[in-house]
Amino acid sequence: MPFNQFTPRSFTTDAVQMYAPVSSGVYGISNAREWIYIGETDNIQSSLLNHLHEINTKLKKREPTGFVFEVCDQAHRASRQDRLVGEYGPSCNRLAPQRS
């Protein structure tokens, strides 16, 4: 099942501060060619801002231009991230090991 939000927001400080919530959830970072990274966090806005300020990382080298997110509780974040990573195949993450 894809992200609930289909159209990415611009991956800029202003857009992240305006649209990304200070909430638990999952988020995806992309460019025009590919999904770059899908993460899960206690604070979507903070995690996106941290990625924006990274220097010389695999993520930044792929020139991200957009982000999407979904608010969800901590109990469901990891499984939702795993499903999204499996569906989109982002270049900068791998599926987590199977949980028993």
C-alpha atoms as a PDB file:
ATOM      1  CA  MET A   1       0.000   0.000   0.000  1.00  0.00           C
ATOM      2  CA  PRO A   2       1.601   3.289  -1.092  1.00  0.00           C
ATOM      3  CA  PHE A   3       2.085   6.420   0.985  1.00  0.00           C
ATOM      4  CA  ASN A   4      -1.217   8.140   1.798  1.00  0.00           C
ATOM      5  CA  GLN A   5       0.203  11.390   0.416  1.00  0.00           C
ATOM      6  CA  PHE A   6       0.957  10.971  -3.308  1.00  0.00           C
ATOM      7  CA  THR A   7       2.452  14.334  -4.218  1.00  0.00           C
ATOM      8  CA  PRO A   8       5.768  15.155  -2.561  1.00  0.00           C
ATOM      9  CA  ARG A   9       6.394  18.495  -0.906  1.00  0.00           C
ATOM     10  CA  SER A  10       9.565  20.371  -1.773  1.00  0.00           C
ATOM     11  CA  PHE A  11      12.489  19.121   0.330  1.00  0.00           C
ATOM     12  CA  THR A  12      13.437  22.534   1.727  1.00  0.00           C
ATOM     13  CA  THR A  13      13.699  23.872   5.260  1.00  0.00           C
ATOM     14  CA  ASP A  14      10.672  26.134   4.764  1.00  0.00           C
ATOM     15  CA  ALA A  15       8.460  23.348   3.400  1.00  0.00           C
ATOM     16  CA  VAL A  16       9.516  20.872   6.097  1.00  0.00           C
ATOM     17  CA  GLN A  17       8.796  23.418   8.831  1.00  0.00           C
ATOM     18  CA  MET A  18       5.462  24.315   7.244  1.00  0.00           C
ATOM     19  CA  TYR A  19       4.092  20.868   6.365  1.00  0.00           C
ATOM     20  CA  ALA A  20       5.898  18.148   8.345  1.00  0.00           C
ATOM     21  CA  PRO A  21       4.352  17.527  11.754  1.00  0.00           C
ATOM     22  CA  VAL A  22       6.142  17.170  15.054  1.00  0.00           C
ATOM     23  CA  SER A  23       4.576  13.713  15.349  1.00  0.00           C
ATOM     24  CA  SER A  24       5.373  10.032  15.260  1.00  0.00           C
ATOM     25  CA  GLY A  25       5.290   8.468  11.818  1.00  0.00           C
ATOM     26  CA  VAL A  26       7.020   7.408   8.626  1.00  0.00           C
ATOM     27  CA  TYR A  27       8.448   9.561   5.857  1.00  0.00           C
ATOM     28  CA  GLY A  28       9.909   9.174   2.393  1.00  0.00           C
ATOM     29  CA  ILE A  29      12.513  11.253   0.578  1.00  0.00           C
ATOM     30  CA  SER A  30      12.754  11.209  -3.216  1.00  0.00           C
ATOM     31  CA  ASN A  31      14.003  12.958  -6.323  1.00  0.00           C
ATOM     32  CA  ALA A  32      12.484  12.995  -9.805  1.00  0.00           C
ATOM     33  CA  ARG A  33      14.004   9.585 -10.638  1.00  0.00           C
ATOM     34  CA  GLU A  34      13.750   7.459  -7.507  1.00  0.00           C
ATOM     35  CA  TRP A  35      12.802   6.937  -3.897  1.00  0.00           C
ATOM     36  CA  ILE A  36      15.936   7.613  -1.879  1.00  0.00           C
ATOM     37  CA  TYR A  37      15.063   6.843   1.730  1.00  0.00           C
ATOM     38  CA  ILE A  38      12.101   5.780   3.859  1.00  0.00           C
ATOM     39  CA  GLY A  39      12.370   6.245   7.604  1.00  0.00           C
ATOM     40  CA  GLU A  40      10.375   5.980  10.802  1.00  0.00           C
ATOM     41  CA  THR A  41      10.670   8.364  13.723  1.00  0.00           C
ATOM     42  CA  ASP A  42       9.164   9.891  16.863  1.00  0.00           C
ATOM     43  CA  ASN A  43       9.361  13.341  15.208  1.00  0.00           C
ATOM     44  CA  ILE A  44       8.868  13.571  11.438  1.00  0.00           C
ATOM     45  CA  GLN A  45       9.805  17.238  11.188  1.00  0.00           C
ATOM     46  CA  SER A  46      13.019  16.864  13.191  1.00  0.00           C
ATOM     47  CA  SER A  47      14.172  13.828  11.206  1.00  0.00           C
ATOM     48  CA  LEU A  48      13.564  15.562   7.871  1.00  0.00           C
ATOM     49  CA  LEU A  49      15.412  18.685   9.041  1.00  0.00           C
ATOM     50  CA  ASN A  50      18.336  16.506  10.152  1.00  0.00           C
ATOM     51  CA  HIS A  51      18.496  14.923   6.686  1.00  0.00           C
ATOM     52  CA  LEU A  52      18.419  18.373   5.088  1.00  0.00           C
ATOM     53  CA  HIS A  53      21.486  19.463   7.057  1.00  0.00           C
ATOM     54  CA  GLU A  54      23.565  16.335   6.413  1.00  0.00           C
ATOM     55  CA  ILE A  55      26.721  16.751   4.375  1.00  0.00           C
ATOM     56  CA  ASN A  56      28.326  14.176   2.069  1.00  0.00           C
ATOM     57  CA  THR A  57      25.909  11.355   2.867  1.00  0.00           C
ATOM     58  CA  LYS A  58      24.594   8.762   0.408  1.00  0.00           C
ATOM     59  CA  LEU A  59      21.184  10.406   0.715  1.00  0.00           C
ATOM     60  CA  LYS A  60      22.436  13.924  -0.116  1.00  0.00           C
ATOM     61  CA  LYS A  61      24.531  12.665  -3.034  1.00  0.00           C
ATOM     62  CA  ARG A  62      21.300  11.475  -4.663  1.00  0.00           C
ATOM     63  CA  GLU A  63      20.035  15.092  -4.717  1.00  0.00           C
ATOM     64  CA  PRO A  64      16.695  14.767  -2.886  1.00  0.00           C
ATOM     65  CA  THR A  65      13.964  17.154  -3.973  1.00  0.00           C
ATOM     66  CA  GLY A  66      10.776  15.957  -2.262  1.00  0.00           C
ATOM     67  CA  PHE A  67       9.291  14.367   0.839  1.00  0.00           C
ATOM     68  CA  VAL A  68       6.070  12.705   1.922  1.00  0.00           C
ATOM     69  CA  PHE A  69       4.957  11.448   5.319  1.00  0.00           C
ATOM     70  CA  GLU A  70       2.276   9.604   7.260  1.00  0.00           C
ATOM     71  CA  VAL A  71       1.488  10.109  10.914  1.00  0.00           C
ATOM     72  CA  CYS A  72       1.261   6.791  12.767  1.00  0.00           C
ATOM     73  CA  ASP A  73       1.852   5.581  16.286  1.00  0.00           C
ATOM     74  CA  GLN A  74       5.058   4.017  17.504  1.00  0.00           C
ATOM     75  CA  ALA A  75       3.566   0.532  17.623  1.00  0.00           C
ATOM     76  CA  HIS A  76       2.952   0.537  13.848  1.00  0.00           C
ATOM     77  CA  ARG A  77       5.875   2.597  12.521  1.00  0.00           C
ATOM     78  CA  ALA A  78       8.445  -0.157  11.965  1.00  0.00           C
ATOM     79  CA  SER A  79       6.039  -2.486  10.160  1.00  0.00           C
ATOM     80  CA  ARG A  80       4.733   0.382   8.005  1.00  0.00           C
ATOM     81  CA  GLN A  81       8.300   1.374   7.138  1.00  0.00           C
ATOM     82  CA  ASP A  82       9.111  -2.229   6.176  1.00  0.00           C
ATOM     83  CA  ARG A  83       6.068  -2.415   3.876  1.00  0.00           C
ATOM     84  CA  LEU A  84       6.932   0.895   2.197  1.00  0.00           C
ATOM     85  CA  VAL A  85      10.598  -0.063   1.752  1.00  0.00           C
ATOM     86  CA  GLY A  86       9.481  -3.331   0.160  1.00  0.00           C
ATOM     87  CA  GLU A  87       7.101  -1.525  -2.170  1.00  0.00           C
ATOM     88  CA  TYR A  88       9.278   1.408  -3.223  1.00  0.00           C
ATOM     89  CA  GLY A  89      12.809  -0.076  -2.936  1.00  0.00           C
ATOM     90  CA  PRO A  90      14.550   3.146  -1.854  1.00  0.00           C
ATOM     91  CA  SER A  91      18.237   3.281  -2.756  1.00  0.00           C
ATOM     92  CA  CYS A  92      19.482   4.211   0.729  1.00  0.00           C
ATOM     93  CA  ASN A  93      17.800   1.604   2.893  1.00  0.00           C
ATOM     94  CA  ARG A  94      17.224  -2.100   3.066  1.00  0.00           C
ATOM     95  CA  LEU A  95      14.444  -4.128   4.584  1.00  0.00           C
ATOM     96  CA  ALA A  96      14.889  -4.745   8.274  1.00  0.00           C
ATOM     97  CA  PRO A  97      15.519  -8.377   9.248  1.00  0.00           C
ATOM     98  CA  GLN A  98      12.365 -10.438   9.661  1.00  0.00           C
ATOM     99  CA  ARG A  99      10.961 -10.191  13.180  1.00  0.00           C
ATOM    100  CA  SER A 100       9.984 -13.377  14.941  1.00  0.00           C
END
